[in-house]
Amino acid sequence: MKKPEKLKIMIIEGDDDNLSLYSDYLSNRGYDVIARYTKGNNILSDVEKQPPDVFVLDSKLSGNKSGTEVATEILDVYHSAPILMTTADYGQPAVVKSILNCATRKLRYY
């Protein structure tokens, strides 16, 4: 019997400690973490080389792009990409609104 393939996950997380935590947790549970980033710059070229099955994406990233900007870029190219958005800023209405606006805008198109 053929062994099922591992789910491939790309993690884009602005905090190094959380990035390691997510990566270790998912790897220890049998998932294949194929890429890890703290910035959202230029990830689409890596996505093209080895597309993940799921993205785990933080709303706040290091660098000059936010998580919602990266999500929008991903969804512009991969219309049905499953993206799990994470944030520690759930108490900040602007952050939650930005995530919801990104999701709603994309859902209207597809």
Protein backbone atom coordinates (compact mmCIF):
# COMPACT_ATOMS: atom_id res chain seq x y z
CA MET A 1 0.00 0.00 0.00
CA LYS A 2 1.32 3.43 -1.00
CA LYS A 3 2.07 5.76 1.89
CA PRO A 4 0.10 9.05 1.63
CA GLU A 5 2.11 12.15 0.83
CA LYS A 6 2.77 14.61 3.62
CA LEU A 7 0.93 17.90 3.51
CA LYS A 8 3.38 20.61 2.34
CA ILE A 9 3.27 23.81 4.38
CA MET A 10 4.90 27.22 3.84
CA ILE A 11 5.17 29.35 6.97
CA ILE A 12 5.51 33.14 6.75
CA GLU A 13 5.79 34.46 10.30
CA GLY A 14 7.26 37.78 11.42
CA ASP A 15 8.56 36.53 14.77
CA ASP A 16 11.52 34.13 14.76
CA ASP A 17 10.39 32.37 17.94
CA ASN A 18 6.88 31.78 16.60
CA LEU A 19 8.33 30.66 13.27
CA SER A 20 10.40 28.01 15.04
CA LEU A 21 7.47 27.01 17.24
CA TYR A 22 5.10 26.53 14.29
CA SER A 23 7.71 24.75 12.22
CA ASP A 24 8.73 22.35 14.99
CA TYR A 25 5.13 21.65 15.98
CA LEU A 26 4.00 20.90 12.43
CA SER A 27 7.11 18.88 11.53
CA ASN A 28 6.76 16.77 14.68
CA ARG A 29 3.20 15.93 13.66
CA GLY A 30 4.26 14.65 10.27
CA TYR A 31 3.74 17.69 8.06
CA ASP A 32 6.37 18.75 5.55
CA VAL A 33 7.40 22.36 6.24
CA ILE A 34 8.90 23.20 2.85
CA ALA A 35 9.77 26.86 3.49
CA ARG A 36 10.02 29.34 6.36
CA TYR A 37 10.11 33.12 6.08
CA THR A 38 10.04 36.15 8.37
CA LYS A 39 9.51 38.56 5.46
CA GLY A 40 7.02 38.50 2.63
CA ASN A 41 9.42 39.75 0.00
CA ASN A 42 9.88 37.64 -3.12
CA ILE A 43 8.23 34.46 -1.85
CA LEU A 44 6.24 33.95 -5.06
CA SER A 45 9.33 32.71 -6.90
CA ASP A 46 9.74 29.97 -4.28
CA VAL A 47 6.04 29.19 -4.44
CA GLU A 48 6.38 28.66 -8.18
CA LYS A 49 9.28 26.23 -7.66
CA GLN A 50 7.54 24.17 -5.00
CA PRO A 51 3.93 25.16 -4.30
CA PRO A 52 2.71 24.33 -0.81
CA ASP A 53 -0.61 22.72 0.00
CA VAL A 54 -1.23 25.28 2.77
CA PHE A 55 0.17 28.68 3.75
CA VAL A 56 0.46 29.74 7.41
CA LEU A 57 0.74 33.52 7.26
CA ASP A 58 1.18 36.07 10.04
CA SER A 59 -0.54 39.43 9.68
CA LYS A 60 2.61 41.30 10.82
CA LEU A 61 5.84 40.53 9.04
CA SER A 62 9.38 41.86 9.11
CA GLY A 63 10.27 43.89 6.05
CA ASN A 64 8.11 46.16 3.96
CA LYS A 65 5.01 43.98 3.36
CA SER A 66 2.17 43.06 5.67
CA GLY A 67 0.63 39.62 5.83
CA THR A 68 -2.50 40.82 4.05
CA GLU A 69 -0.39 42.23 1.21
CA VAL A 70 1.37 38.88 0.86
CA ALA A 71 -1.96 37.02 1.01
CA THR A 72 -3.29 39.23 -1.77
CA GLU A 73 -0.22 38.54 -3.92
CA ILE A 74 -0.57 34.79 -3.36
CA LEU A 75 -4.29 34.82 -4.16
CA ASP A 76 -3.73 36.90 -7.30
CA VAL A 77 -1.65 34.04 -8.70
CA TYR A 78 -3.11 31.00 -6.89
CA HIS A 79 -6.80 31.84 -6.67
CA SER A 80 -7.82 29.00 -4.38
CA ALA A 81 -4.72 28.85 -2.20
CA PRO A 82 -5.59 27.85 1.37
CA ILE A 83 -4.14 30.50 3.67
CA LEU A 84 -4.33 30.29 7.45
CA MET A 85 -3.87 33.84 8.75
CA THR A 86 -2.46 34.20 12.26
CA THR A 87 -2.11 37.24 14.49
CA ALA A 88 -1.32 38.12 18.06
CA ASP A 89 -3.09 41.46 17.55
CA TYR A 90 -6.66 40.18 17.71
CA GLY A 91 -7.47 43.01 20.11
CA GLN A 92 -6.63 45.58 17.46
CA PRO A 93 -9.72 46.14 15.29
CA ALA A 94 -7.66 47.56 12.39
CA VAL A 95 -5.65 44.32 12.08
CA VAL A 96 -8.73 42.11 12.15
CA LYS A 97 -10.52 44.38 9.67
CA SER A 98 -7.53 44.27 7.32
CA ILE A 99 -7.50 40.44 7.37
CA LEU A 100 -11.24 40.26 6.79
CA ASN A 101 -11.06 42.81 3.96
CA CYS A 102 -8.35 40.77 2.24
CA ALA A 103 -10.41 37.58 2.49
CA THR A 104 -13.66 39.24 1.46
CA ARG A 105 -12.11 41.00 -1.52
CA LYS A 106 -10.71 37.73 -2.84
CA LEU A 107 -13.85 35.73 -2.16
CA ARG A 108 -15.88 38.15 -4.25
CA TYR A 109 -13.68 37.53 -7.28
CA TYR A 110 -13.61 33.74 -7.23
